[in-house]
Every structure is written in structure tokens, then in C-alpha cells.
Amino acid sequence: MEVQAIYKGARMSPRKIREVTRQIQGLGALQAQALLSVIPRKSAFLVSKTLKSAIANAENNAGANPENLRVKEAIVGKAPTMKRFIPKARGSAGPILKRSAHIKIILTDE
């Protein structure tokens, strides 16, 4: 049985979040949650929030035991980028790309 949770539109670049999600791939759900609680990054908080949601989905919707769950996949995808501009020299403008991401965590009990 597989259960998933998705956090859409996280206001952080996917590259920064992928550094954290690579660390929890294949771990047990509770072990991954403990690991994320000691990582001092904003991205770890966002991934932890998504993981807690996936664990709650497994308990309430599928009746699974959290001790038996493990992280099968932790995927970070691109979300829409906000485009802003900052004034530059001689009347030109420089682009600023405010990136965002979608975080998807899939848990399995196998």
C-alpha cells in the first residue's frame, strides 16, 4: 500500500529542498521525521510538514501503523516562477526569478 502527500507552491527553490529530500530517501518514516527535526534549514521544516501529512494520511485513510512505514520516494518538482525586475545602470532592468517548488512524499509499508 502506498500513501502520498503533496505540498504545492512552497516558496523556496527546488534545488535547496532537494538537498534535504535526498537525505530521507529509503528511511523509515519516524526515523526520517527525527532526522528532519535536527536539520536547521527552512527546507527541512517544509519537508517535515509534508512527511507528517503523509504519515497522517496513512494512519487515517489506510489504517497503517507509522512504525512500519518507510519513505519510498521524496520528489521535488518545479512550480511557477514569479518574475520581478530590479533597476540597473543606465536605465536598464535586471531580472529576479523567485522560484517555488512542489514537494511530494510517497510512503509504503512494504
PDB file of N, CA and C in Angstrom:
ATOM      1  N   MET A   1       0.828  -1.169   0.000  1.00  0.00           N
ATOM      2  CA  MET A   1       0.000   0.000   0.000  1.00  0.00           C
ATOM      3  C   MET A   1       0.884   1.249   0.000  1.00  0.00           C
ATOM      4  N   GLU A   2       0.551   2.184  -0.856  1.00  0.00           N
ATOM      5  CA  GLU A   2       1.301   3.440  -0.937  1.00  0.00           C
ATOM      6  C   GLU A   2       0.400   4.603  -0.576  1.00  0.00           C
ATOM      7  N   VAL A   3       0.967   5.542   0.168  1.00  0.00           N
ATOM      8  CA  VAL A   3       0.253   6.742   0.576  1.00  0.00           C
ATOM      9  C   VAL A   3       1.136   7.933   0.233  1.00  0.00           C
ATOM     10  N   GLN A   4       0.505   9.032  -0.180  1.00  0.00           N
ATOM     11  CA  GLN A   4       1.309  10.190  -0.553  1.00  0.00           C
ATOM     12  C   GLN A   4       0.746  11.473   0.040  1.00  0.00           C
ATOM     13  N   ALA A   5       1.611  12.486   0.087  1.00  0.00           N
ATOM     14  CA  ALA A   5       1.211  13.835   0.471  1.00  0.00           C
ATOM     15  C   ALA A   5       1.970  14.794  -0.427  1.00  0.00           C
ATOM     16  N   ILE A   6       1.307  15.883  -0.832  1.00  0.00           N
ATOM     17  CA  ILE A   6       1.909  16.855  -1.728  1.00  0.00           C
ATOM     18  C   ILE A   6       1.783  18.243  -1.118  1.00  0.00           C
ATOM     19  N   TYR A   7       2.885  18.973  -1.092  1.00  0.00           N
ATOM     20  CA  TYR A   7       2.909  20.372  -0.682  1.00  0.00           C
ATOM     21  C   TYR A   7       3.139  21.174  -1.949  1.00  0.00           C
ATOM     22  N   LYS A   8       2.135  21.926  -2.367  1.00  0.00           N
ATOM     23  CA  LYS A   8       2.245  22.673  -3.618  1.00  0.00           C
ATOM     24  C   LYS A   8       2.589  24.129  -3.360  1.00  0.00           C
ATOM     25  N   GLY A   9       3.477  24.660  -4.182  1.00  0.00           N
ATOM     26  CA  GLY A   9       3.796  26.082  -4.146  1.00  0.00           C
ATOM     27  C   GLY A   9       4.661  26.506  -2.978  1.00  0.00           C
ATOM     28  N   ALA A  10       5.571  25.658  -2.533  1.00  0.00           N
ATOM     29  CA  ALA A  10       6.487  26.037  -1.451  1.00  0.00           C
ATOM     30  C   ALA A  10       7.394  27.154  -1.946  1.00  0.00           C
ATOM     31  N   ARG A  11       7.476  28.251  -1.200  1.00  0.00           N
ATOM     32  CA  ARG A  11       8.216  29.420  -1.643  1.00  0.00           C
ATOM     33  C   ARG A  11       9.720  29.280  -1.370  1.00  0.00           C
ATOM     34  N   MET A  12      10.324  28.338  -2.055  1.00  0.00           N
ATOM     35  CA  MET A  12      11.758  28.108  -1.964  1.00  0.00           C
ATOM     36  C   MET A  12      12.166  27.387  -3.236  1.00  0.00           C
ATOM     37  N   SER A  13      13.395  27.581  -3.655  1.00  0.00           N
ATOM     38  CA  SER A  13      13.816  26.959  -4.911  1.00  0.00           C
ATOM     39  C   SER A  13      13.912  25.440  -4.741  1.00  0.00           C
ATOM     40  N   PRO A  14      13.580  24.698  -5.794  1.00  0.00           N
ATOM     41  CA  PRO A  14      13.623  23.234  -5.714  1.00  0.00           C
ATOM     42  C   PRO A  14      15.011  22.704  -5.385  1.00  0.00           C
ATOM     43  N   ARG A  15      16.033  23.388  -5.838  1.00  0.00           N
ATOM     44  CA  ARG A  15      17.409  22.942  -5.600  1.00  0.00           C
ATOM     45  C   ARG A  15      17.733  22.887  -4.102  1.00  0.00           C
ATOM     46  N   LYS A  16      17.264  23.873  -3.356  1.00  0.00           N
ATOM     47  CA  LYS A  16      17.524  23.904  -1.912  1.00  0.00           C
ATOM     48  C   LYS A  16      16.759  22.801  -1.186  1.00  0.00           C
ATOM     49  N   ILE A  17      15.568  22.489  -1.659  1.00  0.00           N
ATOM     50  CA  ILE A  17      14.755  21.458  -1.000  1.00  0.00           C
ATOM     51  C   ILE A  17      15.275  20.063  -1.323  1.00  0.00           C
ATOM     52  N   ARG A  18      15.787  19.873  -2.550  1.00  0.00           N
ATOM     53  CA  ARG A  18      16.302  18.552  -2.945  1.00  0.00           C
ATOM     54  C   ARG A  18      17.468  18.105  -2.060  1.00  0.00           C
ATOM     55  N   GLU A  19      18.265  19.050  -1.569  1.00  0.00           N
ATOM     56  CA  GLU A  19      19.384  18.691  -0.687  1.00  0.00           C
ATOM     57  C   GLU A  19      18.883  17.970   0.563  1.00  0.00           C
ATOM     58  N   VAL A  20      17.723  18.351   1.047  1.00  0.00           N
ATOM     59  CA  VAL A  20      17.162  17.734   2.252  1.00  0.00           C
ATOM     60  C   VAL A  20      16.435  16.431   1.914  1.00  0.00           C
ATOM     61  N   THR A  21      15.685  16.411   0.806  1.00  0.00           N
ATOM     62  CA  THR A  21      14.912  15.211   0.481  1.00  0.00           C
ATOM     63  C   THR A  21      15.804  14.027   0.134  1.00  0.00           C
ATOM     64  N   ARG A  22      16.994  14.283  -0.386  1.00  0.00           N
ATOM     65  CA  ARG A  22      17.920  13.182  -0.681  1.00  0.00           C
ATOM     66  C   ARG A  22      18.333  12.448   0.588  1.00  0.00           C
ATOM     67  N   GLN A  23      18.345  13.143   1.719  1.00  0.00           N
ATOM     68  CA  GLN A  23      18.788  12.535   2.976  1.00  0.00           C
ATOM     69  C   GLN A  23      17.765  11.577   3.574  1.00  0.00           C
ATOM     70  N   ILE A  24      16.478  11.737   3.221  1.00  0.00           N
ATOM     71  CA  ILE A  24      15.460  10.894   3.844  1.00  0.00           C
ATOM     72  C   ILE A  24      14.977   9.761   2.951  1.00  0.00           C
ATOM     73  N   GLN A  25      15.457   9.668   1.713  1.00  0.00           N
ATOM     74  CA  GLN A  25      15.027   8.610   0.801  1.00  0.00           C
ATOM     75  C   GLN A  25      15.347   7.240   1.400  1.00  0.00           C
ATOM     76  N   GLY A  26      14.369   6.363   1.457  1.00  0.00           N
ATOM     77  CA  GLY A  26      14.592   4.998   1.911  1.00  0.00           C
ATOM     78  C   GLY A  26      14.579   4.792   3.410  1.00  0.00           C
ATOM     79  N   LEU A  27      14.506   5.856   4.200  1.00  0.00           N
ATOM     80  CA  LEU A  27      14.487   5.719   5.654  1.00  0.00           C
ATOM     81  C   LEU A  27      13.081   5.355   6.130  1.00  0.00           C
ATOM     82  N   GLY A  28      13.001   4.886   7.362  1.00  0.00           N
ATOM     83  CA  GLY A  28      11.700   4.694   7.987  1.00  0.00           C
ATOM     84  C   GLY A  28      11.058   6.049   8.221  1.00  0.00           C
ATOM     85  N   ALA A  29       9.737   6.098   8.239  1.00  0.00           N
ATOM     86  CA  ALA A  29       9.040   7.379   8.342  1.00  0.00           C
ATOM     87  C   ALA A  29       9.363   8.101   9.654  1.00  0.00           C
ATOM     88  N   LEU A  30       9.371   7.378  10.758  1.00  0.00           N
ATOM     89  CA  LEU A  30       9.651   8.003  12.054  1.00  0.00           C
ATOM     90  C   LEU A  30      11.122   8.404  12.163  1.00  0.00           C
ATOM     91  N   GLN A  31      12.001   7.604  11.575  1.00  0.00           N
ATOM     92  CA  GLN A  31      13.433   7.935  11.571  1.00  0.00           C
ATOM     93  C   GLN A  31      13.679   9.184  10.719  1.00  0.00           C
ATOM     94  N   ALA A  32      13.006   9.293   9.592  1.00  0.00           N
ATOM     95  CA  ALA A  32      13.139  10.468   8.729  1.00  0.00           C
ATOM     96  C   ALA A  32      12.618  11.712   9.441  1.00  0.00           C
ATOM     97  N   GLN A  33      11.528  11.558  10.180  1.00  0.00           N
ATOM     98  CA  GLN A  33      10.961  12.674  10.929  1.00  0.00           C
ATOM     99  C   GLN A  33      11.935  13.155  12.001  1.00  0.00           C
ATOM    100  N   ALA A  34      12.601  12.224  12.674  1.00  0.00           N
ATOM    101  CA  ALA A  34      13.593  12.585  13.696  1.00  0.00           C
ATOM    102  C   ALA A  34      14.792  13.286  13.066  1.00  0.00           C
ATOM    103  N   LEU A  35      15.224  12.806  11.895  1.00  0.00           N
ATOM    104  CA  LEU A  35      16.351  13.416  11.198  1.00  0.00           C
ATOM    105  C   LEU A  35      16.026  14.837  10.766  1.00  0.00           C
ATOM    106  N   LEU A  36      14.820  15.044  10.242  1.00  0.00           N
ATOM    107  CA  LEU A  36      14.433  16.378   9.772  1.00  0.00           C
ATOM    108  C   LEU A  36      14.307  17.370  10.921  1.00  0.00           C
ATOM    109  N   SER A  37      13.987  16.878  12.116  1.00  0.00           N
ATOM    110  CA  SER A  37      13.816  17.796  13.248  1.00  0.00           C
ATOM    111  C   SER A  37      15.131  18.406  13.715  1.00  0.00           C
ATOM    112  N   VAL A  38      16.269  17.795  13.362  1.00  0.00           N
ATOM    113  CA  VAL A  38      17.562  18.345  13.798  1.00  0.00           C
ATOM    114  C   VAL A  38      18.309  19.085  12.691  1.00  0.00           C
ATOM    115  N   ILE A  39      17.751  19.129  11.491  1.00  0.00           N
ATOM    116  CA  ILE A  39      18.388  19.871  10.397  1.00  0.00           C
ATOM    117  C   ILE A  39      17.926  21.325  10.475  1.00  0.00           C
ATOM    118  N   PRO A  40      18.854  22.272  10.655  1.00  0.00           N
ATOM    119  CA  PRO A  40      18.461  23.668  10.862  1.00  0.00           C
ATOM    120  C   PRO A  40      18.264  24.452   9.557  1.00  0.00           C
ATOM    121  N   ARG A  41      17.328  24.017   8.733  1.00  0.00           N
ATOM    122  CA  ARG A  41      17.068  24.706   7.470  1.00  0.00           C
ATOM    123  C   ARG A  41      15.565  24.871   7.292  1.00  0.00           C
ATOM    124  N   LYS A  42      15.184  25.920   6.575  1.00  0.00           N
ATOM    125  CA  LYS A  42      13.772  26.143   6.287  1.00  0.00           C
ATOM    126  C   LYS A  42      13.213  25.002   5.442  1.00  0.00           C
ATOM    127  N   SER A  43      14.028  24.505   4.515  1.00  0.00           N
ATOM    128  CA  SER A  43      13.569  23.423   3.651  1.00  0.00           C
ATOM    129  C   SER A  43      13.272  22.156   4.453  1.00  0.00           C
ATOM    130  N   ALA A  44      14.021  21.910   5.529  1.00  0.00           N
ATOM    131  CA  ALA A  44      13.770  20.738   6.371  1.00  0.00           C
ATOM    132  C   ALA A  44      12.409  20.863   7.053  1.00  0.00           C
ATOM    133  N   PHE A  45      12.032  22.073   7.435  1.00  0.00           N
ATOM    134  CA  PHE A  45      10.721  22.296   8.049  1.00  0.00           C
ATOM    135  C   PHE A  45       9.608  22.000   7.050  1.00  0.00           C
ATOM    136  N   LEU A  46       9.776  22.455   5.808  1.00  0.00           N
ATOM    137  CA  LEU A  46       8.750  22.230   4.782  1.00  0.00           C
ATOM    138  C   LEU A  46       8.609  20.742   4.450  1.00  0.00           C
ATOM    139  N   VAL A  47       9.733  20.038   4.351  1.00  0.00           N
ATOM    140  CA  VAL A  47       9.698  18.601   4.062  1.00  0.00           C
ATOM    141  C   VAL A  47       9.100  17.843   5.251  1.00  0.00           C
ATOM    142  N   SER A  48       9.428  18.276   6.474  1.00  0.00           N
ATOM    143  CA  SER A  48       8.891  17.639   7.671  1.00  0.00           C
ATOM    144  C   SER A  48       7.373  17.795   7.729  1.00  0.00           C
ATOM    145  N   LYS A  49       6.894  18.960   7.357  1.00  0.00           N
ATOM    146  CA  LYS A  49       5.462  19.224   7.334  1.00  0.00           C
ATOM    147  C   LYS A  49       4.749  18.286   6.353  1.00  0.00           C
ATOM    148  N   THR A  50       5.367  18.083   5.190  1.00  0.00           N
ATOM    149  CA  THR A  50       4.795  17.192   4.183  1.00  0.00           C
ATOM    150  C   THR A  50       4.843  15.737   4.659  1.00  0.00           C
ATOM    151  N   LEU A  51       5.946  15.351   5.306  1.00  0.00           N
ATOM    152  CA  LEU A  51       6.084  13.986   5.826  1.00  0.00           C
ATOM    153  C   LEU A  51       5.040  13.699   6.901  1.00  0.00           C
ATOM    154  N   LYS A  52       4.804  14.656   7.795  1.00  0.00           N
ATOM    155  CA  LYS A  52       3.783  14.478   8.831  1.00  0.00           C
ATOM    156  C   LYS A  52       2.400  14.296   8.211  1.00  0.00           C
ATOM    157  N   SER A  53       2.145  15.030   7.143  1.00  0.00           N
ATOM    158  CA  SER A  53       0.869  14.901   6.445  1.00  0.00           C
ATOM    159  C   SER A  53       0.730  13.519   5.818  1.00  0.00           C
ATOM    160  N   ALA A  54       1.815  13.012   5.228  1.00  0.00           N
ATOM    161  CA  ALA A  54       1.783  11.683   4.618  1.00  0.00           C
ATOM    162  C   ALA A  54       1.561  10.602   5.679  1.00  0.00           C
ATOM    163  N   ILE A  55       2.191  10.753   6.837  1.00  0.00           N
ATOM    164  CA  ILE A  55       2.012   9.784   7.928  1.00  0.00           C
ATOM    165  C   ILE A  55       0.565   9.820   8.423  1.00  0.00           C
ATOM    166  N   ALA A  56       0.004  11.018   8.552  1.00  0.00           N
ATOM    167  CA  ALA A  56      -1.388  11.150   8.986  1.00  0.00           C
ATOM    168  C   ALA A  56      -2.340  10.543   7.955  1.00  0.00           C
ATOM    169  N   ASN A  57      -2.033  10.731   6.663  1.00  0.00           N
ATOM    170  CA  ASN A  57      -2.856  10.124   5.612  1.00  0.00           C
ATOM    171  C   ASN A  57      -2.829   8.600   5.721  1.00  0.00           C
ATOM    172  N   ALA A  58      -1.650   8.051   5.993  1.00  0.00           N
ATOM    173  CA  ALA A  58      -1.513   6.596   6.101  1.00  0.00           C
ATOM    174  C   ALA A  58      -2.305   6.057   7.290  1.00  0.00           C
ATOM    175  N   GLU A  59      -2.240   6.768   8.415  1.00  0.00           N
ATOM    176  CA  GLU A  59      -2.948   6.314   9.616  1.00  0.00           C
ATOM    177  C   GLU A  59      -4.463   6.405   9.442  1.00  0.00           C
ATOM    178  N   ASN A  60      -4.934   7.552   8.970  1.00  0.00           N
ATOM    179  CA  ASN A  60      -6.377   7.798   8.938  1.00  0.00           C
ATOM    180  C   ASN A  60      -7.077   7.186   7.727  1.00  0.00           C
ATOM    181  N   ASN A  61      -6.429   7.220   6.571  1.00  0.00           N
ATOM    182  CA  ASN A  61      -7.097   6.746   5.360  1.00  0.00           C
ATOM    183  C   ASN A  61      -6.841   5.273   5.075  1.00  0.00           C
ATOM    184  N   ALA A  62      -5.645   4.782   5.431  1.00  0.00           N
ATOM    185  CA  ALA A  62      -5.309   3.402   5.106  1.00  0.00           C
ATOM    186  C   ALA A  62      -5.179   2.512   6.345  1.00  0.00           C
ATOM    187  N   GLY A  63      -5.244   3.097   7.525  1.00  0.00           N
ATOM    188  CA  GLY A  63      -5.151   2.313   8.751  1.00  0.00           C
ATOM    189  C   GLY A  63      -3.778   1.701   8.983  1.00  0.00           C
ATOM    190  N   ALA A  64      -2.730   2.351   8.489  1.00  0.00           N
ATOM    191  CA  ALA A  64      -1.375   1.811   8.614  1.00  0.00           C
ATOM    192  C   ALA A  64      -0.744   2.222   9.942  1.00  0.00           C
ATOM    193  N   ASN A  65       0.222   1.433  10.376  1.00  0.00           N
ATOM    194  CA  ASN A  65       0.974   1.715  11.590  1.00  0.00           C
ATOM    195  C   ASN A  65       2.217   2.534  11.212  1.00  0.00           C
ATOM    196  N   PRO A  66       2.456   3.689  11.846  1.00  0.00           N
ATOM    197  CA  PRO A  66       3.598   4.544  11.463  1.00  0.00           C
ATOM    198  C   PRO A  66       4.958   3.865  11.605  1.00  0.00           C
ATOM    199  N   GLU A  67       5.079   2.871  12.521  1.00  0.00           N
ATOM    200  CA  GLU A  67       6.363   2.196  12.694  1.00  0.00           C
ATOM    201  C   GLU A  67       6.739   1.353  11.479  1.00  0.00           C
ATOM    202  N   ASN A  68       5.749   0.921  10.706  1.00  0.00           N
ATOM    203  CA  ASN A  68       6.009   0.061   9.549  1.00  0.00           C
ATOM    204  C   ASN A  68       6.215   0.837   8.261  1.00  0.00           C
ATOM    205  N   LEU A  69       6.002   2.144   8.292  1.00  0.00           N
ATOM    206  CA  LEU A  69       6.099   2.947   7.068  1.00  0.00           C
ATOM    207  C   LEU A  69       7.544   3.337   6.782  1.00  0.00           C
ATOM    208  N   ARG A  70       7.859   3.440   5.484  1.00  0.00           N
ATOM    209  CA  ARG A  70       9.156   3.975   5.086  1.00  0.00           C
ATOM    210  C   ARG A  70       8.973   4.897   3.890  1.00  0.00           C
ATOM    211  N   VAL A  71       9.934   5.788   3.697  1.00  0.00           N
ATOM    212  CA  VAL A  71       9.861   6.763   2.613  1.00  0.00           C
ATOM    213  C   VAL A  71      10.298   6.073   1.319  1.00  0.00           C
ATOM    214  N   LYS A  72       9.364   5.847   0.426  1.00  0.00           N
ATOM    215  CA  LYS A  72       9.688   5.220  -0.853  1.00  0.00           C
ATOM    216  C   LYS A  72      10.292   6.249  -1.795  1.00  0.00           C
ATOM    217  N   GLU A  73       9.639   7.411  -1.898  1.00  0.00           N
ATOM    218  CA  GLU A  73      10.127   8.476  -2.773  1.00  0.00           C
ATOM    219  C   GLU A  73       9.891   9.819  -2.111  1.00  0.00           C
ATOM    220  N   ALA A  74      10.813  10.731  -2.317  1.00  0.00           N
ATOM    221  CA  ALA A  74      10.649  12.131  -1.922  1.00  0.00           C
ATOM    222  C   ALA A  74      11.056  12.953  -3.136  1.00  0.00           C
ATOM    223  N   ILE A  75      10.054  13.495  -3.833  1.00  0.00           N
ATOM    224  CA  ILE A  75      10.283  14.158  -5.109  1.00  0.00           C
ATOM    225  C   ILE A  75      10.031  15.655  -4.954  1.00  0.00           C
ATOM    226  N   VAL A  76      10.901  16.444  -5.561  1.00  0.00           N
ATOM    227  CA  VAL A  76      10.719  17.890  -5.572  1.00  0.00           C
ATOM    228  C   VAL A  76      10.670  18.344  -7.021  1.00  0.00           C
ATOM    229  N   GLY A  77       9.585  18.996  -7.392  1.00  0.00           N
ATOM    230  CA  GLY A  77       9.421  19.479  -8.757  1.00  0.00           C
ATOM    231  C   GLY A  77       9.324  20.989  -8.800  1.00  0.00           C
ATOM    232  N   LYS A  78       9.445  21.520 -10.018  1.00  0.00           N
ATOM    233  CA  LYS A  78       9.340  22.955 -10.212  1.00  0.00           C
ATOM    234  C   LYS A  78       7.893  23.410 -10.162  1.00  0.00           C
ATOM    235  N   ALA A  79       7.670  24.554  -9.562  1.00  0.00           N
ATOM    236  CA  ALA A  79       6.363  25.207  -9.561  1.00  0.00           C
ATOM    237  C   ALA A  79       6.535  26.527 -10.329  1.00  0.00           C
ATOM    238  N   PRO A  80       5.475  27.258 -10.575  1.00  0.00           N
ATOM    239  CA  PRO A  80       5.612  28.514 -11.315  1.00  0.00           C
ATOM    240  C   PRO A  80       6.586  29.493 -10.653  1.00  0.00           C
ATOM    241  N   THR A  81       7.346  30.173 -11.482  1.00  0.00           N
ATOM    242  CA  THR A  81       8.335  31.140 -11.020  1.00  0.00           C
ATOM    243  C   THR A  81       7.774  32.546 -11.157  1.00  0.00           C
ATOM    244  N   MET A  82       7.890  33.339 -10.088  1.00  0.00           N
ATOM    245  CA  MET A  82       7.479  34.742 -10.171  1.00  0.00           C
ATOM    246  C   MET A  82       8.629  35.545 -10.755  1.00  0.00           C
ATOM    247  N   LYS A  83       8.336  36.368 -11.734  1.00  0.00           N
ATOM    248  CA  LYS A  83       9.369  37.162 -12.384  1.00  0.00           C
ATOM    249  C   LYS A  83       9.263  38.609 -11.923  1.00  0.00           C
ATOM    250  N   ARG A  84      10.345  39.123 -11.375  1.00  0.00           N
ATOM    251  CA  ARG A  84      10.416  40.500 -10.902  1.00  0.00           C
ATOM    252  C   ARG A  84      11.630  41.155 -11.544  1.00  0.00           C
ATOM    253  N   PHE A  85      11.684  42.481 -11.486  1.00  0.00           N
ATOM    254  CA  PHE A  85      12.812  43.206 -12.081  1.00  0.00           C
ATOM    255  C   PHE A  85      13.348  44.226 -11.100  1.00  0.00           C
ATOM    256  N   ILE A  86      14.663  44.436 -11.163  1.00  0.00           N
ATOM    257  CA  ILE A  86      15.341  45.411 -10.319  1.00  0.00           C
ATOM    258  C   ILE A  86      16.046  46.405 -11.235  1.00  0.00           C
ATOM    259  N   PRO A  87      16.000  47.697 -10.902  1.00  0.00           N
ATOM    260  CA  PRO A  87      16.669  48.685 -11.752  1.00  0.00           C
ATOM    261  C   PRO A  87      18.181  48.476 -11.784  1.00  0.00           C
ATOM    262  N   LYS A  88      18.745  48.654 -12.966  1.00  0.00           N
ATOM    263  CA  LYS A  88      20.192  48.531 -13.151  1.00  0.00           C
ATOM    264  C   LYS A  88      20.725  49.835 -13.736  1.00  0.00           C
ATOM    265  N   ALA A  89      21.989  49.835 -14.028  1.00  0.00           N
ATOM    266  CA  ALA A  89      22.645  51.041 -14.523  1.00  0.00           C
ATOM    267  C   ALA A  89      22.115  51.457 -15.899  1.00  0.00           C
ATOM    268  N   ARG A  90      22.121  52.744 -16.144  1.00  0.00           N
ATOM    269  CA  ARG A  90      21.785  53.354 -17.430  1.00  0.00           C
ATOM    270  C   ARG A  90      20.373  53.017 -17.899  1.00  0.00           C
ATOM    271  N   GLY A  91      19.454  52.949 -16.966  1.00  0.00           N
ATOM    272  CA  GLY A  91      18.046  52.790 -17.303  1.00  0.00           C
ATOM    273  C   GLY A  91      17.604  51.389 -17.684  1.00  0.00           C
ATOM    274  N   SER A  92      18.449  50.398 -17.492  1.00  0.00           N
ATOM    275  CA  SER A  92      18.041  49.034 -17.841  1.00  0.00           C
ATOM    276  C   SER A  92      17.458  48.334 -16.607  1.00  0.00           C
ATOM    277  N   ALA A  93      16.992  47.123 -16.815  1.00  0.00           N
ATOM    278  CA  ALA A  93      16.398  46.356 -15.717  1.00  0.00           C
ATOM    279  C   ALA A  93      16.999  44.961 -15.697  1.00  0.00           C
ATOM    280  N   GLY A  94      17.234  44.458 -14.489  1.00  0.00           N
ATOM    281  CA  GLY A  94      17.767  43.106 -14.335  1.00  0.00           C
ATOM    282  C   GLY A  94      16.694  42.190 -13.771  1.00  0.00           C
ATOM    283  N   PRO A  95      16.573  40.971 -14.301  1.00  0.00           N
ATOM    284  CA  PRO A  95      15.518  40.072 -13.829  1.00  0.00           C
ATOM    285  C   PRO A  95      15.847  39.428 -12.482  1.00  0.00           C
ATOM    286  N   ILE A  96      14.800  39.189 -11.701  1.00  0.00           N
ATOM    287  CA  ILE A  96      14.893  38.414 -10.466  1.00  0.00           C
ATOM    288  C   ILE A  96      13.874  37.302 -10.594  1.00  0.00           C
ATOM    289  N   LEU A  97      14.302  36.060 -10.418  1.00  0.00           N
ATOM    290  CA  LEU A  97      13.417  34.911 -10.521  1.00  0.00           C
ATOM    291  C   LEU A  97      13.151  34.366  -9.121  1.00  0.00           C
ATOM    292  N   LYS A  98      11.910  34.494  -8.669  1.00  0.00           N
ATOM    293  CA  LYS A  98      11.531  33.982  -7.352  1.00  0.00           C
ATOM    294  C   LYS A  98      10.919  32.604  -7.569  1.00  0.00           C
ATOM    295  N   ARG A  99      11.715  31.595  -7.323  1.00  0.00           N
ATOM    296  CA  ARG A  99      11.321  30.222  -7.639  1.00  0.00           C
ATOM    297  C   ARG A  99      10.471  29.616  -6.520  1.00  0.00           C
ATOM    298  N   SER A 100       9.662  28.642  -6.902  1.00  0.00           N
ATOM    299  CA  SER A 100       8.876  27.889  -5.932  1.00  0.00           C
ATOM    300  C   SER A 100       8.862  26.426  -6.355  1.00  0.00           C
ATOM    301  N   ALA A 101       8.397  25.562  -5.457  1.00  0.00           N
ATOM    302  CA  ALA A 101       8.514  24.120  -5.692  1.00  0.00           C
ATOM    303  C   ALA A 101       7.284  23.370  -5.200  1.00  0.00           C
ATOM    304  N   HIS A 102       7.116  22.158  -5.728  1.00  0.00           N
ATOM    305  CA  HIS A 102       6.122  21.205  -5.245  1.00  0.00           C
ATOM    306  C   HIS A 102       6.887  20.058  -4.584  1.00  0.00           C
ATOM    307  N   ILE A 103       6.501  19.684  -3.358  1.00  0.00           N
ATOM    308  CA  ILE A 103       7.152  18.587  -2.635  1.00  0.00           C
ATOM    309  C   ILE A 103       6.154  17.427  -2.565  1.00  0.00           C
ATOM    310  N   LYS A 104       6.597  16.241  -2.993  1.00  0.00           N
ATOM    311  CA  LYS A 104       5.746  15.051  -2.976  1.00  0.00           C
ATOM    312  C   LYS A 104       6.480  13.933  -2.250  1.00  0.00           C
ATOM    313  N   ILE A 105       5.835  13.391  -1.227  1.00  0.00           N
ATOM    314  CA  ILE A 105       6.424  12.291  -0.456  1.00  0.00           C
ATOM    315  C   ILE A 105       5.497  11.077  -0.548  1.00  0.00           C
ATOM    316  N   ILE A 106       6.069   9.945  -0.928  1.00  0.00           N
ATOM    317  CA  ILE A 106       5.317   8.695  -1.042  1.00  0.00           C
ATOM    318  C   ILE A 106       5.843   7.729   0.013  1.00  0.00           C
ATOM    319  N   LEU A 107       4.935   7.232   0.841  1.00  0.00           N
ATOM    320  CA  LEU A 107       5.271   6.257   1.888  1.00  0.00           C
ATOM    321  C   LEU A 107       4.712   4.891   1.497  1.00  0.00           C
ATOM    322  N   THR A 108       5.415   3.860   1.901  1.00  0.00           N
ATOM    323  CA  THR A 108       4.954   2.496   1.653  1.00  0.00           C
ATOM    324  C   THR A 108       5.169   1.681   2.929  1.00  0.00           C
ATOM    325  N   ASP A 109       4.403   0.593   3.062  1.00  0.00           N
ATOM    326  CA  ASP A 109       4.563  -0.269   4.242  1.00  0.00           C
ATOM    327  C   ASP A 109       5.217  -1.589   3.891  1.00  0.00           C
ATOM    328  N   GLU A 110       5.806  -1.698   2.723  1.00  0.00           N
ATOM    329  CA  GLU A 110       6.440  -2.941   2.284  1.00  0.00           C
ATOM    330  C   GLU A 110       7.903  -2.987   2.646  1.00  0.00           C
TER     331      GLU A 110
END
